[in-house]
Protein backbone atom coordinates (compact mmCIF):
# COMPACT_ATOMS: atom_id res chain seq x y z
CA MET A 1 -67.79 130.84 45.67
CA GLY A 2 -68.37 128.63 42.66
CA ARG A 3 -69.41 125.73 44.93
CA GLN A 4 -71.78 127.94 46.93
CA PHE A 5 -73.54 129.07 43.55
CA LEU A 6 -73.82 125.41 42.39
CA ASP A 7 -75.30 124.21 45.73
CA LYS A 8 -77.85 127.01 45.79
CA ARG A 9 -78.96 126.27 42.20
CA LYS A 10 -79.11 122.51 42.99
CA ALA A 11 -81.55 123.43 45.92
CA GLN A 12 -83.73 125.52 43.56
CA VAL A 13 -83.95 123.24 40.43
CA PRO A 14 -84.93 119.71 40.43
CA ILE A 15 -82.35 117.29 38.99
CA TYR A 16 -83.51 114.27 37.13
CA PRO A 17 -81.43 111.36 35.97
CA VAL A 18 -81.12 110.03 32.56
CA THR A 19 -83.19 106.62 32.75
CA GLY A 20 -83.45 103.67 30.54
CA SER A 21 -86.74 104.94 29.13
CA THR A 22 -84.93 108.32 28.37
CA ALA A 23 -82.28 106.21 26.53
CA GLU A 24 -84.84 104.43 24.49
CA ILE A 25 -86.53 107.76 23.47
CA ILE A 26 -83.07 109.06 22.48
CA SER A 27 -82.44 106.01 20.35
CA ARG A 28 -85.83 105.84 18.76
CA ILE A 29 -85.90 109.64 17.77
CA GLY A 30 -82.23 109.52 16.73
CA ALA A 31 -82.84 106.59 14.59
CA GLU A 32 -85.95 107.89 13.03
CA GLN A 33 -84.37 111.10 12.06
CA ALA A 34 -81.31 109.53 10.71
CA ALA A 35 -83.44 107.32 8.42
CA ARG A 36 -84.74 110.57 7.02
CA GLY A 37 -81.10 111.82 6.68
CA ILE A 38 -81.36 114.18 9.51
CA SER A 39 -78.38 114.27 11.84
CA MET A 40 -79.19 115.73 15.26
CA PRO A 41 -76.89 116.86 18.03
CA LEU A 42 -76.89 114.30 20.87
CA ALA A 43 -77.23 117.00 23.48
CA ASP A 44 -80.49 118.11 21.90
CA LEU A 45 -81.75 114.72 21.75
CA ILE A 46 -80.98 114.11 25.48
CA ILE A 47 -82.71 117.49 26.45
CA GLY A 48 -85.70 116.50 24.23
CA ALA A 49 -86.11 113.06 25.52
CA CYS A 50 -85.86 114.14 29.17
CA ALA A 51 -88.52 116.74 28.53
CA ILE A 52 -90.90 114.18 26.70
CA GLU A 53 -90.43 111.66 29.54
CA LEU A 54 -91.17 114.15 32.15
CA GLY A 55 -93.96 115.99 30.29
CA TYR A 56 -91.99 119.14 30.21
CA VAL A 57 -91.72 121.87 27.54
CA VAL A 58 -88.40 123.02 26.16
CA GLY A 59 -88.16 126.89 26.10
CA THR A 60 -85.32 127.93 23.68
CA SER A 61 -84.48 130.46 21.10
CA TYR A 62 -82.90 127.82 18.96
CA VAL A 63 -85.92 125.85 17.94
CA ARG A 64 -84.56 124.20 14.74
CA ASP A 65 -83.38 120.78 16.15
CA PHE A 66 -86.00 120.64 18.95
CA GLU A 67 -88.88 121.12 16.51
CA ARG A 68 -87.69 117.89 14.77
CA ILE A 69 -88.44 115.81 17.85
CA PRO A 70 -91.76 114.35 17.50
CA GLY A 71 -94.06 114.64 20.54
CA LEU A 72 -91.77 117.54 22.19
CA ASN A 73 -93.58 120.72 23.07
CA VAL A 74 -91.27 123.62 22.20
CA LEU A 75 -91.71 127.23 23.30
CA ARG A 76 -89.87 129.92 21.32
CA VAL A 77 -88.34 132.47 24.01
C-alpha cells in the first residue's frame, strides 16, 4: 500500500532535481547568513533555494528561517 501511495503522489506532483545552480544559491545564502551570525537549517536552505530557482512561493506556518532568505517569496499558511 505504501508504494501505491508514493507512486500516486509522484504522478500528481512534479519532482525537480537539485542542480548545480541550486547548490550555488544554497552556498551563497548560507555564507551570507553565517557572516551575519545566523545559522540556518540546511533543509530550509535547500527548500528556499529550489523555490528561488524555480520561481515558486514557499507556503509554511513556520516562516522564521524562510523569511531570512533574500529573494524568496514566503506565504504564511
